[in-house]
PDB file of N, CA and C in Angstrom:
ATOM      1  N   UNK A   1     -18.924  81.032 -18.199  1.00  0.00           N
ATOM      2  CA  UNK A   1     -18.172  80.419 -19.278  1.00  0.00           C
ATOM      3  C   UNK A   1     -16.765  81.006 -19.335  1.00  0.00           C
ATOM      4  N   UNK A   2     -16.670  82.312 -19.059  1.00  0.00           N
ATOM      5  CA  UNK A   2     -15.355  82.943 -19.073  1.00  0.00           C
ATOM      6  C   UNK A   2     -14.468  82.388 -17.968  1.00  0.00           C
ATOM      7  N   UNK A   3     -15.050  82.162 -16.795  1.00  0.00           N
ATOM      8  CA  UNK A   3     -14.274  81.590 -15.696  1.00  0.00           C
ATOM      9  C   UNK A   3     -13.798  80.185 -16.041  1.00  0.00           C
ATOM     10  N   UNK A   4     -14.647  79.406 -16.714  1.00  0.00           N
ATOM     11  CA  UNK A   4     -14.241  78.059 -17.112  1.00  0.00           C
ATOM     12  C   UNK A   4     -13.099  78.136 -18.112  1.00  0.00           C
ATOM     13  N   UNK A   5     -13.178  79.068 -19.033  1.00  0.00           N
ATOM     14  CA  UNK A   5     -12.116  79.240 -20.017  1.00  0.00           C
ATOM     15  C   UNK A   5     -10.812  79.651 -19.331  1.00  0.00           C
ATOM     16  N   UNK A   6     -10.915  80.548 -18.368  1.00  0.00           N
ATOM     17  CA  UNK A   6      -9.721  81.007 -17.652  1.00  0.00           C
ATOM     18  C   UNK A   6      -9.088  79.883 -16.831  1.00  0.00           C
ATOM     19  N   UNK A   7      -9.905  78.937 -16.381  1.00  0.00           N
ATOM     20  CA  UNK A   7      -9.385  77.812 -15.601  1.00  0.00           C
ATOM     21  C   UNK A   7      -8.458  76.928 -16.434  1.00  0.00           C
ATOM     22  N   UNK A   8      -8.677  76.901 -17.715  1.00  0.00           N
ATOM     23  CA  UNK A   8      -7.814  76.132 -18.598  1.00  0.00           C
ATOM     24  C   UNK A   8      -8.113  74.647 -18.594  1.00  0.00           C
ATOM     25  N   UNK A   9      -7.228  73.894 -19.236  1.00  0.00           N
ATOM     26  CA  UNK A   9      -7.386  72.442 -19.337  1.00  0.00           C
ATOM     27  C   UNK A   9      -6.641  71.811 -18.176  1.00  0.00           C
ATOM     28  N   UNK A  10      -7.344  71.001 -17.429  1.00  0.00           N
ATOM     29  CA  UNK A  10      -6.752  70.352 -16.265  1.00  0.00           C
ATOM     30  C   UNK A  10      -6.468  68.888 -16.578  1.00  0.00           C
ATOM     31  N   UNK A  11      -5.322  68.416 -16.168  1.00  0.00           N
ATOM     32  CA  UNK A  11      -4.983  67.001 -16.335  1.00  0.00           C
ATOM     33  C   UNK A  11      -5.653  66.226 -15.225  1.00  0.00           C
ATOM     34  N   UNK A  12      -6.379  65.208 -15.614  1.00  0.00           N
ATOM     35  CA  UNK A  12      -7.053  64.348 -14.648  1.00  0.00           C
ATOM     36  C   UNK A  12      -6.637  62.908 -14.892  1.00  0.00           C
ATOM     37  N   UNK A  13      -6.641  62.115 -13.844  1.00  0.00           N
ATOM     38  CA  UNK A  13      -6.288  60.697 -14.022  1.00  0.00           C
ATOM     39  C   UNK A  13      -7.252  60.036 -15.007  1.00  0.00           C
ATOM     40  N   UNK A  14      -6.695  59.282 -15.914  1.00  0.00           N
ATOM     41  CA  UNK A  14      -7.518  58.536 -16.854  1.00  0.00           C
ATOM     42  C   UNK A  14      -7.887  59.307 -18.112  1.00  0.00           C
ATOM     43  N   UNK A  15      -7.654  60.597 -18.134  1.00  0.00           N
ATOM     44  CA  UNK A  15      -7.997  61.380 -19.322  1.00  0.00           C
ATOM     45  C   UNK A  15      -6.765  61.441 -20.221  1.00  0.00           C
ATOM     46  N   UNK A  16      -6.778  60.621 -21.234  1.00  0.00           N
ATOM     47  CA  UNK A  16      -5.617  60.516 -22.101  1.00  0.00           C
ATOM     48  C   UNK A  16      -6.065  60.425 -23.542  1.00  0.00           C
ATOM     49  N   UNK A  17      -5.082  60.294 -24.380  1.00  0.00           N
ATOM     50  CA  UNK A  17      -5.351  60.116 -25.799  1.00  0.00           C
ATOM     51  C   UNK A  17      -6.193  58.860 -26.024  1.00  0.00           C
ATOM     52  N   UNK A  18      -6.026  57.856 -25.156  1.00  0.00           N
ATOM     53  CA  UNK A  18      -6.799  56.624 -25.283  1.00  0.00           C
ATOM     54  C   UNK A  18      -8.299  56.897 -25.156  1.00  0.00           C
ATOM     55  N   UNK A  19      -8.670  57.789 -24.245  1.00  0.00           N
ATOM     56  CA  UNK A  19     -10.082  58.121 -24.072  1.00  0.00           C
ATOM     57  C   UNK A  19     -10.632  58.734 -25.350  1.00  0.00           C
ATOM     58  N   UNK A  20      -9.900  59.656 -25.925  1.00  0.00           N
ATOM     59  CA  UNK A  20     -10.351  60.280 -27.172  1.00  0.00           C
ATOM     60  C   UNK A  20     -10.436  59.232 -28.278  1.00  0.00           C
ATOM     61  N   UNK A  21      -9.452  58.356 -28.340  1.00  0.00           N
ATOM     62  CA  UNK A  21      -9.493  57.278 -29.331  1.00  0.00           C
ATOM     63  C   UNK A  21     -10.709  56.393 -29.144  1.00  0.00           C
ATOM     64  N   UNK A  22     -11.036  56.086 -27.906  1.00  0.00           N
ATOM     65  CA  UNK A  22     -12.211  55.253 -27.623  1.00  0.00           C
ATOM     66  C   UNK A  22     -13.489  55.957 -28.081  1.00  0.00           C
ATOM     67  N   UNK A  23     -13.578  57.240 -27.816  1.00  0.00           N
ATOM     68  CA  UNK A  23     -14.760  58.005 -28.235  1.00  0.00           C
ATOM     69  C   UNK A  23     -14.902  57.999 -29.753  1.00  0.00           C
ATOM     70  N   UNK A  24     -13.795  58.170 -30.433  1.00  0.00           N
ATOM     71  CA  UNK A  24     -13.825  58.188 -31.901  1.00  0.00           C
ATOM     72  C   UNK A  24     -14.210  56.806 -32.428  1.00  0.00           C
ATOM     73  N   UNK A  25     -13.615  55.750 -31.875  1.00  0.00           N
ATOM     74  CA  UNK A  25     -13.941  54.390 -32.323  1.00  0.00           C
ATOM     75  C   UNK A  25     -15.410  54.054 -32.104  1.00  0.00           C
ATOM     76  N   UNK A  26     -15.965  54.470 -30.959  1.00  0.00           N
ATOM     77  CA  UNK A  26     -17.357  54.162 -30.658  1.00  0.00           C
ATOM     78  C   UNK A  26     -18.318  55.055 -31.433  1.00  0.00           C
ATOM     79  N   UNK A  27     -17.808  56.154 -31.940  1.00  0.00           N
ATOM     80  CA  UNK A  27     -18.645  57.046 -32.735  1.00  0.00           C
ATOM     81  C   UNK A  27     -19.702  57.771 -31.917  1.00  0.00           C
ATOM     82  N   UNK A  28     -19.453  57.919 -30.646  1.00  0.00           N
ATOM     83  CA  UNK A  28     -20.395  58.648 -29.793  1.00  0.00           C
ATOM     84  C   UNK A  28     -19.616  59.381 -28.718  1.00  0.00           C
ATOM     85  N   UNK A  29     -20.224  60.415 -28.193  1.00  0.00           N
ATOM     86  CA  UNK A  29     -19.561  61.221 -27.184  1.00  0.00           C
ATOM     87  C   UNK A  29     -20.501  61.532 -26.016  1.00  0.00           C
ATOM     88  N   UNK A  30     -21.715  61.988 -26.338  1.00  0.00           N
ATOM     89  CA  UNK A  30     -22.626  62.462 -25.299  1.00  0.00           C
ATOM     90  C   UNK A  30     -23.087  61.369 -24.345  1.00  0.00           C
ATOM     91  N   UNK A  31     -23.211  60.145 -24.818  1.00  0.00           N
ATOM     92  CA  UNK A  31     -23.698  59.080 -23.945  1.00  0.00           C
ATOM     93  C   UNK A  31     -22.568  58.310 -23.262  1.00  0.00           C
ATOM     94  N   UNK A  32     -21.339  58.681 -23.519  1.00  0.00           N
ATOM     95  CA  UNK A  32     -20.203  57.981 -22.909  1.00  0.00           C
ATOM     96  C   UNK A  32     -20.199  58.246 -21.397  1.00  0.00           C
ATOM     97  N   UNK A  33     -19.902  57.248 -20.578  1.00  0.00           N
ATOM     98  CA  UNK A  33     -19.896  57.430 -19.119  1.00  0.00           C
ATOM     99  C   UNK A  33     -19.013  58.596 -18.658  1.00  0.00           C
ATOM    100  N   UNK A  34     -17.873  58.789 -19.294  1.00  0.00           N
ATOM    101  CA  UNK A  34     -16.973  59.885 -18.923  1.00  0.00           C
ATOM    102  C   UNK A  34     -17.660  61.235 -19.128  1.00  0.00           C
ATOM    103  N   UNK A  35     -18.360  61.379 -20.236  1.00  0.00           N
ATOM    104  CA  UNK A  35     -19.061  62.633 -20.512  1.00  0.00           C
ATOM    105  C   UNK A  35     -20.166  62.853 -19.495  1.00  0.00           C
ATOM    106  N   UNK A  36     -20.960  61.833 -19.257  1.00  0.00           N
ATOM    107  CA  UNK A  36     -22.071  61.967 -18.301  1.00  0.00           C
ATOM    108  C   UNK A  36     -21.556  62.320 -16.910  1.00  0.00           C
ATOM    109  N   UNK A  37     -20.396  61.799 -16.550  1.00  0.00           N
ATOM    110  CA  UNK A  37     -19.831  62.059 -15.228  1.00  0.00           C
ATOM    111  C   UNK A  37     -19.308  63.498 -15.107  1.00  0.00           C
ATOM    112  N   UNK A  38     -18.761  64.051 -16.167  1.00  0.00           N
ATOM    113  CA  UNK A  38     -18.032  65.321 -16.068  1.00  0.00           C
ATOM    114  C   UNK A  38     -18.697  66.536 -16.706  1.00  0.00           C
ATOM    115  N   UNK A  39     -19.764  66.372 -17.460  1.00  0.00           N
ATOM    116  CA  UNK A  39     -20.248  67.503 -18.247  1.00  0.00           C
ATOM    117  C   UNK A  39     -20.727  68.665 -17.394  1.00  0.00           C
ATOM    118  N   UNK A  40     -21.345  68.406 -16.245  1.00  0.00           N
ATOM    119  CA  UNK A  40     -21.847  69.515 -15.423  1.00  0.00           C
ATOM    120  C   UNK A  40     -20.717  70.405 -14.919  1.00  0.00           C
ATOM    121  N   UNK A  41     -19.576  69.815 -14.615  1.00  0.00           N
ATOM    122  CA  UNK A  41     -18.447  70.601 -14.139  1.00  0.00           C
ATOM    123  C   UNK A  41     -17.755  71.343 -15.271  1.00  0.00           C
ATOM    124  N   UNK A  42     -17.887  70.854 -16.485  1.00  0.00           N
ATOM    125  CA  UNK A  42     -17.138  71.421 -17.606  1.00  0.00           C
ATOM    126  C   UNK A  42     -17.948  72.341 -18.507  1.00  0.00           C
ATOM    127  N   UNK A  43     -19.243  72.111 -18.593  1.00  0.00           N
ATOM    128  CA  UNK A  43     -20.055  72.901 -19.510  1.00  0.00           C
ATOM    129  C   UNK A  43     -21.037  73.766 -18.750  1.00  0.00           C
ATOM    130  N   UNK A  44     -21.358  74.890 -19.310  1.00  0.00           N
ATOM    131  CA  UNK A  44     -22.362  75.770 -18.735  1.00  0.00           C
ATOM    132  C   UNK A  44     -23.510  75.871 -19.725  1.00  0.00           C
ATOM    133  N   UNK A  45     -24.690  75.513 -19.273  1.00  0.00           N
ATOM    134  CA  UNK A  45     -25.877  75.666 -20.093  1.00  0.00           C
ATOM    135  C   UNK A  45     -26.573  76.918 -19.575  1.00  0.00           C
ATOM    136  N   UNK A  46     -26.462  77.977 -20.331  1.00  0.00           N
ATOM    137  CA  UNK A  46     -26.981  79.271 -19.881  1.00  0.00           C
ATOM    138  C   UNK A  46     -28.503  79.285 -19.874  1.00  0.00           C
ATOM    139  N   UNK A  47     -29.039  80.037 -18.960  1.00  0.00           N
ATOM    140  CA  UNK A  47     -30.481  80.193 -18.827  1.00  0.00           C
ATOM    141  C   UNK A  47     -31.039  80.957 -20.027  1.00  0.00           C
ATOM    142  N   UNK A  48     -32.290  80.673 -20.341  1.00  0.00           N
ATOM    143  CA  UNK A  48     -32.946  81.417 -21.421  1.00  0.00           C
ATOM    144  C   UNK A  48     -33.208  82.857 -21.006  1.00  0.00           C
ATOM    145  N   UNK A  49     -33.010  83.166 -19.741  1.00  0.00           N
ATOM    146  CA  UNK A  49     -33.200  84.541 -19.277  1.00  0.00           C
ATOM    147  C   UNK A  49     -32.036  85.438 -19.674  1.00  0.00           C
ATOM    148  N   UNK A  50     -30.904  84.841 -20.012  1.00  0.00           N
ATOM    149  CA  UNK A  50     -29.774  85.633 -20.476  1.00  0.00           C
ATOM    150  C   UNK A  50     -29.995  86.004 -21.932  1.00  0.00           C
ATOM    151  N   UNK A  51     -29.719  87.236 -22.238  1.00  0.00           N
ATOM    152  CA  UNK A  51     -29.932  87.734 -23.592  1.00  0.00           C
ATOM    153  C   UNK A  51     -28.607  87.715 -24.347  1.00  0.00           C
ATOM    154  N   UNK A  52     -28.577  87.015 -25.455  1.00  0.00           N
ATOM    155  CA  UNK A  52     -27.344  86.926 -26.235  1.00  0.00           C
ATOM    156  C   UNK A  52     -27.405  87.764 -27.514  1.00  0.00           C
ATOM    157  N   UNK A  53     -28.439  88.582 -27.631  1.00  0.00           N
ATOM    158  CA  UNK A  53     -28.564  89.435 -28.806  1.00  0.00           C
ATOM    159  C   UNK A  53     -27.520  90.537 -28.777  1.00  0.00           C
ATOM    160  N   UNK A  54     -27.303  91.140 -29.923  1.00  0.00           N
ATOM    161  CA  UNK A  54     -26.462  92.321 -29.953  1.00  0.00           C
ATOM    162  C   UNK A  54     -27.202  93.439 -29.233  1.00  0.00           C
ATOM    163  N   UNK A  55     -26.491  94.475 -28.881  1.00  0.00           N
ATOM    164  CA  UNK A  55     -27.113  95.595 -28.170  1.00  0.00           C
ATOM    165  C   UNK A  55     -28.244  96.195 -28.998  1.00  0.00           C
ATOM    166  N   UNK A  56     -28.020  96.359 -30.295  1.00  0.00           N
ATOM    167  CA  UNK A  56     -29.049  96.910 -31.173  1.00  0.00           C
ATOM    168  C   UNK A  56     -30.277  96.028 -31.257  1.00  0.00           C
ATOM    169  N   UNK A  57     -30.067  94.716 -31.372  1.00  0.00           N
ATOM    170  CA  UNK A  57     -31.201  93.778 -31.409  1.00  0.00           C
ATOM    171  C   UNK A  57     -31.946  93.774 -30.078  1.00  0.00           C
ATOM    172  N   UNK A  58     -31.208  93.880 -28.978  1.00  0.00           N
ATOM    173  CA  UNK A  58     -31.820  93.927 -27.659  1.00  0.00           C
ATOM    174  C   UNK A  58     -32.706  95.166 -27.528  1.00  0.00           C
ATOM    175  N   UNK A  59     -32.179  96.311 -27.989  1.00  0.00           N
ATOM    176  CA  UNK A  59     -32.973  97.548 -27.961  1.00  0.00           C
ATOM    177  C   UNK A  59     -34.223  97.407 -28.826  1.00  0.00           C
ATOM    178  N   UNK A  60     -34.056  96.862 -30.019  1.00  0.00           N
ATOM    179  CA  UNK A  60     -35.188  96.721 -30.941  1.00  0.00           C
ATOM    180  C   UNK A  60     -36.253  95.771 -30.399  1.00  0.00           C
ATOM    181  N   UNK A  61     -35.839  94.807 -29.576  1.00  0.00           N
ATOM    182  CA  UNK A  61     -36.782  93.831 -29.022  1.00  0.00           C
ATOM    183  C   UNK A  61     -37.443  94.324 -27.738  1.00  0.00           C
ATOM    184  N   UNK A  62     -37.156  95.568 -27.350  1.00  0.00           N
ATOM    185  CA  UNK A  62     -37.813  96.126 -26.170  1.00  0.00           C
ATOM    186  C   UNK A  62     -36.902  96.376 -24.989  1.00  0.00           C
ATOM    187  N   UNK A  63     -35.635  96.030 -25.088  1.00  0.00           N
ATOM    188  CA  UNK A  63     -34.639  96.295 -24.044  1.00  0.00           C
ATOM    189  C   UNK A  63     -35.073  95.783 -22.676  1.00  0.00           C
ATOM    190  N   UNK A  64     -35.583  94.559 -22.635  1.00  0.00           N
ATOM    191  CA  UNK A  64     -36.050  93.999 -21.369  1.00  0.00           C
ATOM    192  C   UNK A  64     -34.874  93.558 -20.507  1.00  0.00           C
ATOM    193  N   UNK A  65     -34.979  93.860 -19.222  1.00  0.00           N
ATOM    194  CA  UNK A  65     -33.958  93.423 -18.277  1.00  0.00           C
ATOM    195  C   UNK A  65     -34.149  91.944 -17.969  1.00  0.00           C
ATOM    196  N   UNK A  66     -33.147  91.355 -17.336  1.00  0.00           N
ATOM    197  CA  UNK A  66     -33.257  89.954 -16.927  1.00  0.00           C
ATOM    198  C   UNK A  66     -34.415  89.789 -15.942  1.00  0.00           C
ATOM    199  N   UNK A  67     -34.609  90.772 -15.081  1.00  0.00           N
ATOM    200  CA  UNK A  67     -35.718  90.702 -14.116  1.00  0.00           C
ATOM    201  C   UNK A  67     -37.066  90.712 -14.837  1.00  0.00           C
ATOM    202  N   UNK A  68     -37.191  91.538 -15.865  1.00  0.00           N
ATOM    203  CA  UNK A  68     -38.442  91.572 -16.640  1.00  0.00           C
ATOM    204  C   UNK A  68     -38.675  90.238 -17.342  1.00  0.00           C
ATOM    205  N   UNK A  69     -37.611  89.690 -17.941  1.00  0.00           N
ATOM    206  CA  UNK A  69     -37.746  88.394 -18.619  1.00  0.00           C
ATOM    207  C   UNK A  69     -38.099  87.301 -17.610  1.00  0.00           C
ATOM    208  N   UNK A  70     -37.532  87.382 -16.405  1.00  0.00           N
ATOM    209  CA  UNK A  70     -37.835  86.395 -15.365  1.00  0.00           C
ATOM    210  C   UNK A  70     -39.297  86.498 -14.944  1.00  0.00           C
ATOM    211  N   UNK A  71     -39.795  87.722 -14.751  1.00  0.00           N
ATOM    212  CA  UNK A  71     -41.209  87.890 -14.383  1.00  0.00           C
ATOM    213  C   UNK A  71     -42.115  87.316 -15.465  1.00  0.00           C
ATOM    214  N   UNK A  72     -41.785  87.573 -16.720  1.00  0.00           N
ATOM    215  CA  UNK A  72     -42.586  87.047 -17.826  1.00  0.00           C
ATOM    216  C   UNK A  72     -42.545  85.520 -17.859  1.00  0.00           C
ATOM    217  N   UNK A  73     -41.388  84.950 -17.594  1.00  0.00           N
ATOM    218  CA  UNK A  73     -41.250  83.495 -17.582  1.00  0.00           C
ATOM    219  C   UNK A  73     -42.084  82.883 -16.462  1.00  0.00           C
ATOM    220  N   UNK A  74     -42.039  83.491 -15.283  1.00  0.00           N
ATOM    221  CA  UNK A  74     -42.840  82.996 -14.155  1.00  0.00           C
ATOM    222  C   UNK A  74     -44.321  83.088 -14.496  1.00  0.00           C
ATOM    223  N   UNK A  75     -44.744  84.225 -15.047  1.00  0.00           N
ATOM    224  CA  UNK A  75     -46.159  84.405 -15.402  1.00  0.00           C
ATOM    225  C   UNK A  75     -46.589  83.368 -16.437  1.00  0.00           C
ATOM    226  N   UNK A  76     -45.746  83.115 -17.426  1.00  0.00           N
ATOM    227  CA  UNK A  76     -46.085  82.128 -18.467  1.00  0.00           C
ATOM    228  C   UNK A  76     -46.191  80.729 -17.878  1.00  0.00           C
ATOM    229  N   UNK A  77     -45.272  80.381 -16.979  1.00  0.00           N
ATOM    230  CA  UNK A  77     -45.318  79.050 -16.370  1.00  0.00           C
ATOM    231  C   UNK A  77     -46.544  78.897 -15.473  1.00  0.00           C
ATOM    232  N   UNK A  78     -46.853  79.952 -14.723  1.00  0.00           N
ATOM    233  CA  UNK A  78     -48.029  79.887 -13.855  1.00  0.00           C
ATOM    234  C   UNK A  78     -49.312  79.797 -14.669  1.00  0.00           C
ATOM    235  N   UNK A  79     -49.347  80.485 -15.810  1.00  0.00           N
ATOM    236  CA  UNK A  79     -50.537  80.445 -16.661  1.00  0.00           C
ATOM    237  C   UNK A  79     -50.771  79.042 -17.211  1.00  0.00           C
ATOM    238  N   UNK A  80     -49.686  78.300 -17.448  1.00  0.00           N
ATOM    239  CA  UNK A  80     -49.807  76.944 -17.993  1.00  0.00           C
ATOM    240  C   UNK A  80     -50.011  75.891 -16.922  1.00  0.00           C
ATOM    241  N   UNK A  81     -49.696  76.247 -15.669  1.00  0.00           N
ATOM    242  CA  UNK A  81     -49.752  75.261 -14.587  1.00  0.00           C
ATOM    243  C   UNK A  81     -51.189  74.856 -14.304  1.00  0.00           C
ATOM    244  N   UNK A  82     -51.387  73.587 -14.145  1.00  0.00           N
ATOM    245  CA  UNK A  82     -52.689  73.066 -13.781  1.00  0.00           C
ATOM    246  C   UNK A  82     -52.594  72.547 -12.350  1.00  0.00           C
ATOM    247  N   UNK A  83     -53.215  73.287 -11.451  1.00  0.00           N
ATOM    248  CA  UNK A  83     -53.180  72.914 -10.044  1.00  0.00           C
ATOM    249  C   UNK A  83     -54.481  72.205  -9.702  1.00  0.00           C
ATOM    250  N   UNK A  84     -54.387  70.975  -9.249  1.00  0.00           N
ATOM    251  CA  UNK A  84     -55.620  70.255  -8.899  1.00  0.00           C
ATOM    252  C   UNK A  84     -56.278  70.902  -7.682  1.00  0.00           C
ATOM    253  N   UNK A  85     -57.591  70.843  -7.602  1.00  0.00           N
ATOM    254  CA  UNK A  85     -58.265  71.429  -6.442  1.00  0.00           C
ATOM    255  C   UNK A  85     -57.904  70.672  -5.163  1.00  0.00           C
ATOM    256  N   UNK A  86     -57.959  71.389  -4.050  1.00  0.00           N
ATOM    257  CA  UNK A  86     -57.683  70.748  -2.765  1.00  0.00           C
ATOM    258  C   UNK A  86     -58.807  69.787  -2.418  1.00  0.00           C
ATOM    259  N   UNK A  87     -58.489  68.714  -1.759  1.00  0.00           N
ATOM    260  CA  UNK A  87     -59.558  67.843  -1.258  1.00  0.00           C
ATOM    261  C   UNK A  87     -60.449  68.652  -0.307  1.00  0.00           C
ATOM    262  N   UNK A  88     -61.751  68.403  -0.310  1.00  0.00           N
ATOM    263  CA  UNK A  88     -62.664  69.177   0.531  1.00  0.00           C
ATOM    264  C   UNK A  88     -62.255  69.220   2.004  1.00  0.00           C
ATOM    265  N   UNK A  89     -61.742  68.137   2.546  1.00  0.00           N
ATOM    266  CA  UNK A  89     -61.338  68.113   3.955  1.00  0.00           C
ATOM    267  C   UNK A  89     -60.172  69.069   4.211  1.00  0.00           C
ATOM    268  N   UNK A  90     -59.232  69.135   3.289  1.00  0.00           N
ATOM    269  CA  UNK A  90     -58.085  70.040   3.439  1.00  0.00           C
ATOM    270  C   UNK A  90     -58.556  71.481   3.324  1.00  0.00           C
ATOM    271  N   UNK A  91     -59.412  71.748   2.348  1.00  0.00           N
ATOM    272  CA  UNK A  91     -59.941  73.104   2.178  1.00  0.00           C
ATOM    273  C   UNK A  91     -60.699  73.546   3.435  1.00  0.00           C
ATOM    274  N   UNK A  92     -61.522  72.662   4.012  1.00  0.00           N
ATOM    275  CA  UNK A  92     -62.276  72.997   5.222  1.00  0.00           C
ATOM    276  C   UNK A  92     -61.330  73.252   6.395  1.00  0.00           C
ATOM    277  N   UNK A  93     -60.277  72.443   6.520  1.00  0.00           N
ATOM    278  CA  UNK A  93     -59.317  72.641   7.612  1.00  0.00           C
ATOM    279  C   UNK A  93     -58.604  73.978   7.477  1.00  0.00           C
ATOM    280  N   UNK A  94     -58.230  74.347   6.257  1.00  0.00           N
ATOM    281  CA  UNK A  94     -57.589  75.648   6.040  1.00  0.00           C
ATOM    282  C   UNK A  94     -58.554  76.789   6.342  1.00  0.00           C
ATOM    283  N   UNK A  95     -59.807  76.639   5.928  1.00  0.00           N
ATOM    284  CA  UNK A  95     -60.821  77.658   6.244  1.00  0.00           C
ATOM    285  C   UNK A  95     -60.961  77.816   7.749  1.00  0.00           C
ATOM    286  N   UNK A  96     -60.974  76.702   8.489  1.00  0.00           N
ATOM    287  CA  UNK A  96     -61.102  76.761   9.945  1.00  0.00           C
ATOM    288  C   UNK A  96     -59.923  77.507  10.563  1.00  0.00           C
ATOM    289  N   UNK A  97     -58.727  77.248  10.079  1.00  0.00           N
ATOM    290  CA  UNK A  97     -57.532  77.935  10.587  1.00  0.00           C
ATOM    291  C   UNK A  97     -57.640  79.432  10.300  1.00  0.00           C
ATOM    292  N   UNK A  98     -58.027  79.768   9.076  1.00  0.00           N
ATOM    293  CA  UNK A  98     -58.135  81.185   8.705  1.00  0.00           C
ATOM    294  C   UNK A  98     -59.233  81.874   9.512  1.00  0.00           C
ATOM    295  N   UNK A  99     -60.362  81.199   9.727  1.00  0.00           N
ATOM    296  CA  UNK A  99     -61.455  81.779  10.493  1.00  0.00           C
ATOM    297  C   UNK A  99     -61.026  82.008  11.943  1.00  0.00           C
ATOM    298  N   UNK A 100     -60.320  81.065  12.521  1.00  0.00           N
ATOM    299  CA  UNK A 100     -59.835  81.229  13.890  1.00  0.00           C
ATOM    300  C   UNK A 100     -58.916  82.439  14.004  1.00  0.00           C
ATOM    301  N   UNK A 101     -58.035  82.619  13.005  1.00  0.00           N
ATOM    302  CA  UNK A 101     -57.142  83.785  13.010  1.00  0.00           C
ATOM    303  C   UNK A 101     -57.926  85.075  12.792  1.00  0.00           C
ATOM    304  N   UNK A 102     -58.933  85.035  11.935  1.00  0.00           N
ATOM    305  CA  UNK A 102     -59.764  86.226  11.700  1.00  0.00           C
ATOM    306  C   UNK A 102     -60.490  86.605  12.982  1.00  0.00           C
ATOM    307  N   UNK A 103     -61.038  85.641  13.698  1.00  0.00           N
ATOM    308  CA  UNK A 103     -61.744  85.916  14.961  1.00  0.00           C
ATOM    309  C   UNK A 103     -60.779  86.466  16.009  1.00  0.00           C
ATOM    310  N   UNK A 104     -59.579  85.947  16.025  1.00  0.00           N
ATOM    311  CA  UNK A 104     -58.563  86.452  16.956  1.00  0.00           C
ATOM    312  C   UNK A 104     -58.247  87.915  16.681  1.00  0.00           C
ATOM    313  N   UNK A 105     -58.405  88.313  15.414  1.00  0.00           N
ATOM    314  CA  UNK A 105     -58.154  89.703  15.023  1.00  0.00           C
ATOM    315  C   UNK A 105     -59.419  90.554  15.112  1.00  0.00           C
ATOM    316  N   UNK A 106     -60.517  89.971  15.650  1.00  0.00           N
ATOM    317  CA  UNK A 106     -61.733  90.747  15.850  1.00  0.00           C
ATOM    318  C   UNK A 106     -62.734  90.668  14.715  1.00  0.00           C
ATOM    319  N   UNK A 107     -62.536  89.790  13.773  1.00  0.00           N
ATOM    320  CA  UNK A 107     -63.474  89.638  12.659  1.00  0.00           C
ATOM    321  C   UNK A 107     -64.442  88.494  12.966  1.00  0.00           C
ATOM    322  N   UNK A 108     -65.657  88.614  12.463  1.00  0.00           N
ATOM    323  CA  UNK A 108     -66.630  87.551  12.717  1.00  0.00           C
ATOM    324  C   UNK A 108     -66.685  86.532  11.587  1.00  0.00           C
ATOM    325  N   UNK A 109     -66.120  86.872  10.451  1.00  0.00           N
ATOM    326  CA  UNK A 109     -66.146  85.963   9.300  1.00  0.00           C
ATOM    327  C   UNK A 109     -64.953  86.268   8.407  1.00  0.00           C
ATOM    328  N   UNK A 110     -64.688  85.346   7.512  1.00  0.00           N
ATOM    329  CA  UNK A 110     -63.635  85.570   6.515  1.00  0.00           C
ATOM    330  C   UNK A 110     -64.183  86.482   5.419  1.00  0.00           C
ATOM    331  N   UNK A 111     -63.347  87.357   4.883  1.00  0.00           N
ATOM    332  CA  UNK A 111     -63.805  88.195   3.764  1.00  0.00           C
ATOM    333  C   UNK A 111     -64.265  87.313   2.606  1.00  0.00           C
ATOM    334  N   UNK A 112     -65.323  87.700   1.950  1.00  0.00           N
ATOM    335  CA  UNK A 112     -65.863  86.989   0.790  1.00  0.00           C
ATOM    336  C   UNK A 112     -66.218  85.542   1.112  1.00  0.00           C
ATOM    337  N   UNK A 113     -66.509  85.255   2.342  1.00  0.00           N
ATOM    338  CA  UNK A 113     -66.894  83.898   2.701  1.00  0.00           C
ATOM    339  C   UNK A 113     -68.194  83.904   3.460  1.00  0.00           C
ATOM    340  N   UNK A 114     -68.810  82.766   3.603  1.00  0.00           N
ATOM    341  CA  UNK A 114     -70.065  82.714   4.362  1.00  0.00           C
ATOM    342  C   UNK A 114     -69.810  83.037   5.831  1.00  0.00           C
ATOM    343  N   UNK A 115     -70.747  83.710   6.506  1.00  0.00           N
ATOM    344  CA  UNK A 115     -70.567  84.045   7.919  1.00  0.00           C
ATOM    345  C   UNK A 115     -70.347  82.780   8.740  1.00  0.00           C
ATOM    346  N   UNK A 116     -69.450  82.871   9.695  1.00  0.00           N
ATOM    347  CA  UNK A 116     -69.187  81.741  10.571  1.00  0.00           C
ATOM    348  C   UNK A 116     -68.358  80.639   9.919  1.00  0.00           C
ATOM    349  N   UNK A 117     -67.980  80.783   8.705  1.00  0.00           N
ATOM    350  CA  UNK A 117     -67.174  79.763   8.031  1.00  0.00           C
ATOM    351  C   UNK A 117     -66.074  80.424   7.256  1.00  0.00           C
TER     352      UNK A 117
END
C-alpha cells in the first residue's frame, strides 16, 4: 500500500472529471466497468495473515508470527476440507505402484497393508 501511495496519481487516457461525474450521476462505483477494469492495479486487499493490531494488542493475543498464523490457517482449511474417496480402481493402481517400489527396495509388502498387496 505504501508503494502504491508513493507512486502517486497517474494520468490515464479517459480518466477525467467526466468519469467522476458519470459515477456520481449513476450513483454507483464498484460495479462500474472502469472500476472493475482497474481495481486490482490500484487497490491492495491485504491477507488476513497480516496483523494490523497495535504492538500491545499483538502481544496480548499471543504474539503469533505470520508463519504461525499461516500454519493455523492451513490446518483450519484442511480440517474443513472434504476430500472424496478415490475410486477403487485408482486406489488399487496406486497400491500396485507403491508395492512395486517397496519390492524394489527389498520389502515384501506395504507397511500396514495386506501381504502381497
